[in-house]
Protein backbone atom coordinates (compact mmCIF):
# COMPACT_ATOMS: atom_id res chain seq x y z
CA MET A 1 80.81 -216.93 2.50
CA LYS A 2 83.40 -215.56 4.93
CA TRP A 3 85.70 -214.81 1.99
CA ILE A 4 82.94 -212.85 0.23
CA THR A 5 82.00 -211.02 3.45
CA ALA A 6 85.63 -210.03 4.02
CA ARG A 7 85.87 -208.62 0.51
CA ARG A 8 82.65 -206.66 1.02
CA ARG A 9 84.20 -204.97 4.04
CA HIS A 10 87.40 -204.16 2.16
CA PRO A 11 87.91 -200.40 1.71
CA LEU A 12 88.61 -200.92 -2.01
CA ALA A 13 85.19 -202.47 -2.63
CA GLY A 14 83.76 -199.12 -3.72
CA TYR A 15 86.54 -198.62 -6.27
CA VAL A 16 85.92 -202.08 -7.69
CA VAL A 17 82.27 -201.19 -8.20
CA VAL A 18 83.25 -197.97 -9.98
CA ILE A 19 85.61 -199.87 -12.30
CA LEU A 20 82.88 -202.38 -13.10
CA ALA A 21 80.43 -199.56 -13.79
CA LEU A 22 82.88 -197.88 -16.16
CA ALA A 23 83.46 -201.17 -17.96
CA LEU A 24 79.72 -201.69 -18.36
CA PHE A 25 79.39 -198.12 -19.64
CA GLY A 26 82.05 -198.80 -22.26
CA VAL A 27 80.26 -201.96 -23.40
CA GLY A 28 76.98 -200.07 -23.58
CA TYR A 29 78.50 -197.25 -25.60
CA ALA A 30 80.03 -199.70 -28.06
CA ALA A 31 76.60 -201.27 -28.50
CA VAL A 32 74.67 -198.06 -29.19
CA ALA A 33 77.32 -195.81 -30.76
CA PRO A 34 76.13 -194.09 -33.93
CA THR A 35 76.74 -195.97 -37.15
CA SER A 36 76.39 -194.96 -40.73
CA ASP A 37 73.15 -196.86 -41.30
CA GLN A 38 71.35 -194.50 -38.91
CA ALA A 39 71.42 -191.86 -41.62
CA GLN A 40 71.97 -193.53 -44.95
CA ALA A 41 72.04 -191.59 -48.16
CA GLN A 42 69.40 -192.59 -50.71
CA THR A 43 70.47 -190.65 -53.77
CA LEU A 44 69.77 -191.49 -57.40
CA ALA A 45 72.50 -193.45 -59.13
CA ALA A 46 73.79 -191.48 -62.10
CA ASP A 47 76.82 -191.36 -64.31
CA ALA A 48 79.33 -188.65 -63.47
CA PRO A 49 78.95 -185.63 -65.76
CA SER A 50 81.58 -185.52 -68.46
CA PRO A 51 84.26 -182.80 -68.35
CA GLU A 52 82.40 -180.86 -71.05
CA ASP A 53 79.31 -180.66 -68.84
CA VAL A 54 80.92 -179.15 -65.75
CA ASP A 55 80.77 -175.46 -64.89
CA VAL A 56 83.90 -174.29 -63.06
CA ALA A 57 82.37 -170.89 -62.27
CA GLU A 58 79.38 -172.58 -60.67
CA GLY A 59 81.79 -174.81 -58.74
CA LYS A 60 83.52 -171.72 -57.35
CA THR A 61 80.17 -170.33 -56.22
CA ILE A 62 79.34 -173.61 -54.48
CA PHE A 63 82.74 -173.71 -52.78
CA ASP A 64 82.51 -170.10 -51.60
CA GLN A 65 79.02 -170.66 -50.20
CA THR A 66 79.41 -174.08 -48.57
CA CYS A 67 83.11 -174.74 -47.97
CA ALA A 68 85.11 -171.53 -47.66
CA SER A 69 83.80 -170.56 -44.22
CA CYS A 70 85.72 -173.49 -42.69
CA HIS A 71 88.39 -174.34 -45.27
CA GLY A 72 89.24 -170.81 -46.44
CA LEU A 73 88.66 -169.17 -49.81
CA ASP A 74 91.81 -170.79 -51.18
CA GLY A 75 91.22 -174.16 -49.48
CA SER A 76 94.26 -173.73 -47.24
CA GLY A 77 92.25 -174.52 -44.12
CA GLY A 78 91.32 -172.54 -41.06
CA GLU A 79 90.29 -172.82 -37.45
CA PHE A 80 87.38 -175.16 -38.22
CA GLY A 81 88.52 -177.02 -41.33
CA PRO A 82 91.67 -178.75 -42.62
CA ASP A 83 93.77 -177.82 -45.63
CA LEU A 84 92.19 -179.24 -48.79
CA ARG A 85 94.95 -178.53 -51.27
CA ASP A 86 96.58 -181.96 -51.00
CA VAL A 87 93.62 -184.24 -50.17
CA GLY A 88 92.64 -184.90 -53.78
CA PRO A 89 89.25 -184.99 -55.53
CA ALA A 90 88.50 -188.54 -54.30
CA ALA A 91 88.34 -187.18 -50.74
CA ILE A 92 86.02 -184.35 -51.84
CA ASP A 93 83.75 -186.80 -53.65
CA PHE A 94 83.64 -189.18 -50.67
CA GLN A 95 82.84 -186.53 -48.07
CA VAL A 96 80.16 -184.78 -50.14
CA SER A 97 78.53 -187.84 -51.73
CA THR A 98 78.05 -189.50 -48.33
CA GLY A 99 76.53 -186.32 -46.84
CA ARG A 100 79.31 -185.80 -44.32
CA MET A 101 80.08 -182.45 -45.88
CA PRO A 102 79.10 -179.64 -45.74
CA SER A 103 79.07 -179.97 -41.96
CA MET A 104 77.12 -177.79 -39.55
CA ASN A 105 79.28 -178.95 -36.63
CA PRO A 106 82.98 -179.01 -37.55
CA ASP A 107 83.98 -180.23 -34.07
CA ALA A 108 82.04 -183.51 -34.32
CA GLN A 109 82.54 -186.63 -36.41
CA MET A 110 79.84 -186.58 -39.03
CA PRO A 111 77.71 -189.67 -39.71
CA ARG A 112 76.45 -190.56 -43.15
CA LYS A 113 73.53 -188.45 -44.32
CA PRO A 114 71.67 -187.78 -47.56
CA MET A 115 73.78 -185.79 -49.99
CA VAL A 116 72.75 -182.13 -50.01
CA MET A 117 74.13 -181.44 -53.49
CA THR A 118 73.09 -182.81 -56.84
CA GLU A 119 75.46 -184.92 -58.93
CA GLN A 120 75.95 -181.94 -61.24
CA GLU A 121 76.80 -179.58 -58.36
CA LEU A 122 79.31 -182.08 -57.00
CA ALA A 123 80.92 -182.41 -60.44
CA ASP A 124 81.14 -178.60 -60.72
CA LEU A 125 82.70 -178.40 -57.26
CA ILE A 126 85.32 -181.04 -58.09
CA ALA A 127 86.11 -179.28 -61.38
CA TYR A 128 86.73 -176.01 -59.54
CA TYR A 129 88.81 -177.81 -56.92
CA ASN A 130 90.98 -179.40 -59.59
CA GLU A 131 91.51 -176.11 -61.41
CA SER A 132 91.99 -173.63 -58.57
CA ILE A 133 92.74 -175.39 -55.26
CA ARG A 134 94.44 -178.73 -55.84
CA ASN A 135 98.23 -178.76 -55.56
CA ASP A 136 99.85 -180.14 -58.73
CA GLY A 137 97.77 -183.30 -59.02
CA SER A 138 98.19 -184.25 -55.36
CA GLY A 139 95.84 -186.75 -53.78
CA ALA A 140 93.80 -189.44 -55.50
CA ASP A 141 91.46 -188.84 -58.43
CA VAL A 142 87.82 -189.86 -58.34
CA PRO A 143 87.72 -193.55 -59.41
CA TYR A 144 84.92 -193.19 -61.96
CA ASP A 145 85.63 -196.71 -63.22
CA VAL A 146 84.48 -198.10 -59.85
CA PRO A 147 80.66 -198.49 -59.63
CA ASP A 148 78.83 -196.16 -57.28
CA ILE A 149 75.23 -196.40 -56.03
CA GLU A 150 73.11 -199.38 -57.02
CA PRO A 151 69.71 -198.33 -58.44
CA HIS A 152 66.74 -198.62 -56.11
CA PRO A 153 63.08 -199.03 -57.14
CA ASP A 154 62.11 -195.90 -55.20
CA ASP A 155 64.37 -193.86 -57.46
CA PHE A 156 62.06 -194.60 -60.39
CA ALA A 157 58.66 -194.84 -58.67
CA PRO A 158 56.11 -192.28 -60.00
CA LEU A 159 53.94 -190.19 -57.70
CA ARG A 160 50.22 -190.94 -57.77
CA SER A 161 49.43 -187.24 -57.45
CA ASP A 162 51.05 -186.58 -60.84
CA PHE A 163 48.38 -188.53 -62.72
CA ASP A 164 44.70 -187.83 -63.31
CA SER A 165 43.62 -191.44 -63.71
CA GLU A 166 44.45 -194.78 -62.20
CA GLU A 167 45.07 -196.21 -65.65
CA ALA A 168 47.73 -193.60 -66.45
CA TYR A 169 49.35 -194.19 -63.08
CA GLU A 170 49.49 -197.97 -63.56
CA GLU A 171 51.06 -197.46 -66.98
CA ALA A 172 53.69 -195.17 -65.44
CA VAL A 173 54.40 -197.78 -62.76
CA GLU A 174 55.06 -200.40 -65.43
CA GLU A 175 57.37 -198.04 -67.31
CA ALA A 176 59.21 -197.20 -64.09
CA GLU A 177 59.67 -200.89 -63.33
CA ALA A 178 61.14 -201.44 -66.79
CA GLU A 179 63.48 -198.46 -66.36
CA TYR A 180 64.58 -199.77 -62.98
CA GLN A 181 65.32 -203.23 -64.33
CA ALA A 182 67.31 -201.75 -67.21
CA ALA A 183 69.30 -199.52 -64.83
CA LEU A 184 69.92 -202.47 -62.50
CA GLU A 185 71.21 -204.58 -65.39
CA ASP A 186 73.52 -201.77 -66.49
CA TYR A 187 74.83 -201.37 -62.95
CA GLN A 188 75.41 -205.10 -62.55
CA ALA A 189 77.26 -205.20 -65.87
CA GLU A 190 79.42 -202.26 -64.76
CA TYR A 191 80.17 -203.94 -61.43
CA ASP A 192 80.93 -207.29 -63.07
CA ALA A 193 83.31 -205.58 -65.48
CA TYR A 194 85.13 -203.85 -62.62
CA ILE A 195 85.30 -206.90 -60.40
CA SER A 196 86.03 -209.38 -63.20
CA GLY A 197 89.56 -210.09 -61.97
CA ALA A 198 88.57 -210.56 -58.33
CA ASP A 199 88.17 -214.31 -57.91
CA ASP A 200 90.20 -214.92 -54.75
CA THR A 201 87.72 -214.70 -51.88
CA GLU A 202 90.34 -215.85 -49.39
CA MET A 203 92.63 -212.96 -50.33
CA GLY A 204 89.78 -210.47 -49.97
CA MET A 205 88.88 -211.88 -46.56
CA ARG A 206 92.50 -211.80 -45.44
CA LEU A 207 92.91 -208.19 -46.59
CA TYR A 208 89.73 -207.18 -44.77
CA LEU A 209 90.55 -208.96 -41.52
CA THR A 210 94.10 -207.58 -41.54
CA ASN A 211 93.36 -203.96 -42.43
CA CYS A 212 89.70 -203.25 -41.69
CA ALA A 213 88.09 -205.61 -39.18
CA HIS A 214 89.78 -204.22 -36.07
CA CYS A 215 87.82 -200.96 -36.53
CA HIS A 216 84.82 -201.79 -38.72
CA GLY A 217 84.19 -205.18 -37.11
CA TRP A 218 84.42 -208.67 -38.57
CA SER A 219 80.91 -208.29 -40.04
CA GLY A 220 81.30 -204.67 -41.16
CA GLY A 221 79.06 -203.35 -38.39
CA GLY A 222 81.48 -200.64 -37.22
CA GLY A 223 82.49 -199.93 -33.65
CA ALA A 224 83.66 -197.41 -31.08
CA LEU A 225 87.14 -195.87 -31.25
CA THR A 226 89.04 -193.59 -28.89
CA ASP A 227 88.17 -189.97 -28.11
CA GLY A 228 84.46 -190.53 -28.66
CA ARG A 229 84.89 -191.37 -32.34
CA TRP A 230 83.56 -194.42 -34.13
CA ALA A 231 84.24 -196.47 -37.23
CA PRO A 232 81.09 -196.41 -39.36
CA GLU A 233 79.39 -199.56 -40.53
CA ILE A 234 79.91 -200.41 -44.18
CA HIS A 235 76.84 -202.50 -44.96
CA GLU A 236 75.48 -199.81 -47.29
CA SER A 237 78.78 -198.43 -48.63
CA THR A 238 79.10 -198.49 -52.40
CA PRO A 239 82.19 -199.91 -54.13
CA ARG A 240 83.30 -196.39 -55.07
CA GLU A 241 82.89 -195.13 -51.50
CA ILE A 242 84.98 -198.02 -50.20
CA TYR A 243 87.68 -197.32 -52.77
CA GLU A 244 87.68 -193.57 -52.05
CA ALA A 245 87.85 -194.16 -48.31
CA MET A 246 90.91 -196.36 -48.79
CA VAL A 247 92.81 -193.86 -50.96
CA SER A 248 91.84 -190.74 -48.98
CA GLY A 249 91.79 -191.91 -45.34
CA PRO A 250 88.81 -189.95 -43.97
CA GLY A 251 88.67 -189.12 -40.27
CA ALA A 252 90.55 -191.59 -38.09
CA MET A 253 90.96 -194.06 -40.95
CA PRO A 254 94.51 -194.60 -42.25
CA MET A 255 95.21 -194.13 -45.94
CA PHE A 256 95.69 -197.26 -48.04
CA SER A 257 97.29 -195.95 -51.20
CA ASP A 258 97.93 -198.16 -54.22
CA GLY A 259 101.44 -198.68 -52.88
CA VAL A 260 100.01 -200.22 -49.69
CA ILE A 261 97.05 -202.10 -51.17
CA ALA A 262 97.34 -202.52 -54.93
CA PRO A 263 94.33 -201.75 -57.17
CA GLU A 264 93.90 -205.48 -57.85
CA GLU A 265 93.87 -206.16 -54.11
CA LYS A 266 91.32 -203.38 -53.64
CA GLN A 267 89.10 -205.25 -56.09
CA GLU A 268 89.41 -208.41 -53.99
CA LEU A 269 88.68 -206.49 -50.79
CA ILE A 270 85.64 -204.72 -52.28
CA SER A 271 84.35 -208.04 -53.60
CA TYR A 272 84.63 -209.53 -50.11
CA VAL A 273 82.84 -206.55 -48.55
CA LYS A 274 80.00 -207.12 -51.02
CA THR A 275 79.69 -210.67 -49.68
CA LEU A 276 79.45 -209.24 -46.15
CA GLN A 277 76.74 -206.87 -47.31
CA ALA A 278 74.82 -209.78 -48.82
CA GLU A 279 74.83 -211.73 -45.54
CA PRO A 280 71.35 -211.75 -43.93
CA ASP A 281 70.98 -209.76 -40.73
CA ALA A 282 70.01 -212.06 -37.85
CA GLY A 283 68.29 -209.15 -36.12
CA GLY A 284 68.43 -207.98 -32.53
CA ILE A 285 67.75 -204.76 -30.67
CA PHE A 286 71.33 -203.46 -30.65
CA ASN A 287 72.53 -205.10 -33.90
CA LEU A 288 75.76 -206.26 -32.25
CA GLN A 289 77.80 -207.22 -35.32
CA ARG A 290 74.78 -209.19 -36.59
CA VAL A 291 75.22 -211.89 -33.94
CA GLY A 292 71.45 -212.32 -33.62
CA GLN A 293 68.80 -212.05 -30.94
CA VAL A 294 69.83 -215.16 -28.98
CA ALA A 295 73.43 -213.99 -28.59
CA GLU A 296 72.25 -210.48 -27.70
CA GLY A 297 69.94 -211.96 -25.07
CA LEU A 298 72.83 -213.90 -23.53
CA ILE A 299 75.01 -210.78 -23.48
CA GLY A 300 72.20 -208.77 -21.90
CA TRP A 301 71.61 -211.47 -19.28
CA VAL A 302 75.31 -211.69 -18.33
CA VAL A 303 75.76 -207.91 -18.22
CA GLY A 304 72.54 -207.43 -16.27
CA LEU A 305 73.46 -210.12 -13.74
CA ALA A 306 76.93 -208.61 -13.29
CA LEU A 307 75.36 -205.20 -12.71
CA ILE A 308 72.98 -206.59 -10.09
CA VAL A 309 75.82 -208.35 -8.26
CA ALA A 310 77.96 -205.20 -8.36
CA CYS A 311 75.11 -203.10 -6.94
CA ALA A 312 74.51 -205.65 -4.19
CA ILE A 313 78.20 -205.60 -3.22
CA TRP A 314 78.24 -201.81 -3.25
CA ILE A 315 75.11 -201.52 -1.07
CA THR A 316 76.45 -204.08 1.41
CA ALA A 317 79.87 -202.41 1.59
CA LYS A 318 78.24 -199.04 2.19
CA GLN A 319 76.07 -200.46 4.97
CA ARG A 320 79.08 -202.14 6.61
CA ALA A 321 80.96 -198.85 6.52
CA HIS A 322 78.14 -197.13 8.42
CA ASP A 323 78.11 -199.93 10.98
């Protein structure tokens, strides 16, 4: 007790409390930092329009209206936006399809949001970018052979207000269910064809833990980085988004070109991420890397107890100083 009392009287006791408070603040921020699942895109899965279907003139109009104010009319960048000439169409597709662009706040890291463009508008924009802005084939192309968004039942569900009778509505529901099942089978076949050579789960896990886990977390739940930035969670990321993120390096993420991680290794990594996405979520208020409610309760108890002890030491030290 005398040892504790002596430490309470120490002039550095106040600084110790401040350091503990800052540490607790950092832990709290890491727990509640924004992640991509807070604003997930729920767009309809669709095949990319073929080159004959794109309208370059319409793409120019879209670029001038939604991109040029930050990136310049020629895509060379400006005060609020980087140079786009060398980023490649994969970067354009990733940023727009995940709703991160167009951005209303160029100074902030953008979370995932619903895509504001249609698939056709995005295809027109990429066609214009390739023709008028891109530097001599620089950057990565859109990996159209990698599957994108998995179909969801809500994408096919009819609206009750569109039908005059319950019988017609029920018939439409059955047709929508059949369309959804057919689309899901097509998507699964496309994914199986892409991932057919990925049969080394250990390699995929090793690639993920070596290159991704230190930012996105061992479970893919994301986490806080420096300068107020964060690595988004990847539980809802599509295979194409994962591939495009690797070859374009958005935000604070490094670029993993095919020379760094080969296309075959990317297949293994994407296959492993899909296994992470399939893992059941154990729940919890803060969703701390899916550790579950019991572990979160223990963390909360330890942190809360430490905070109470720190406050008690601070109050006692302050009272001793007045004495």
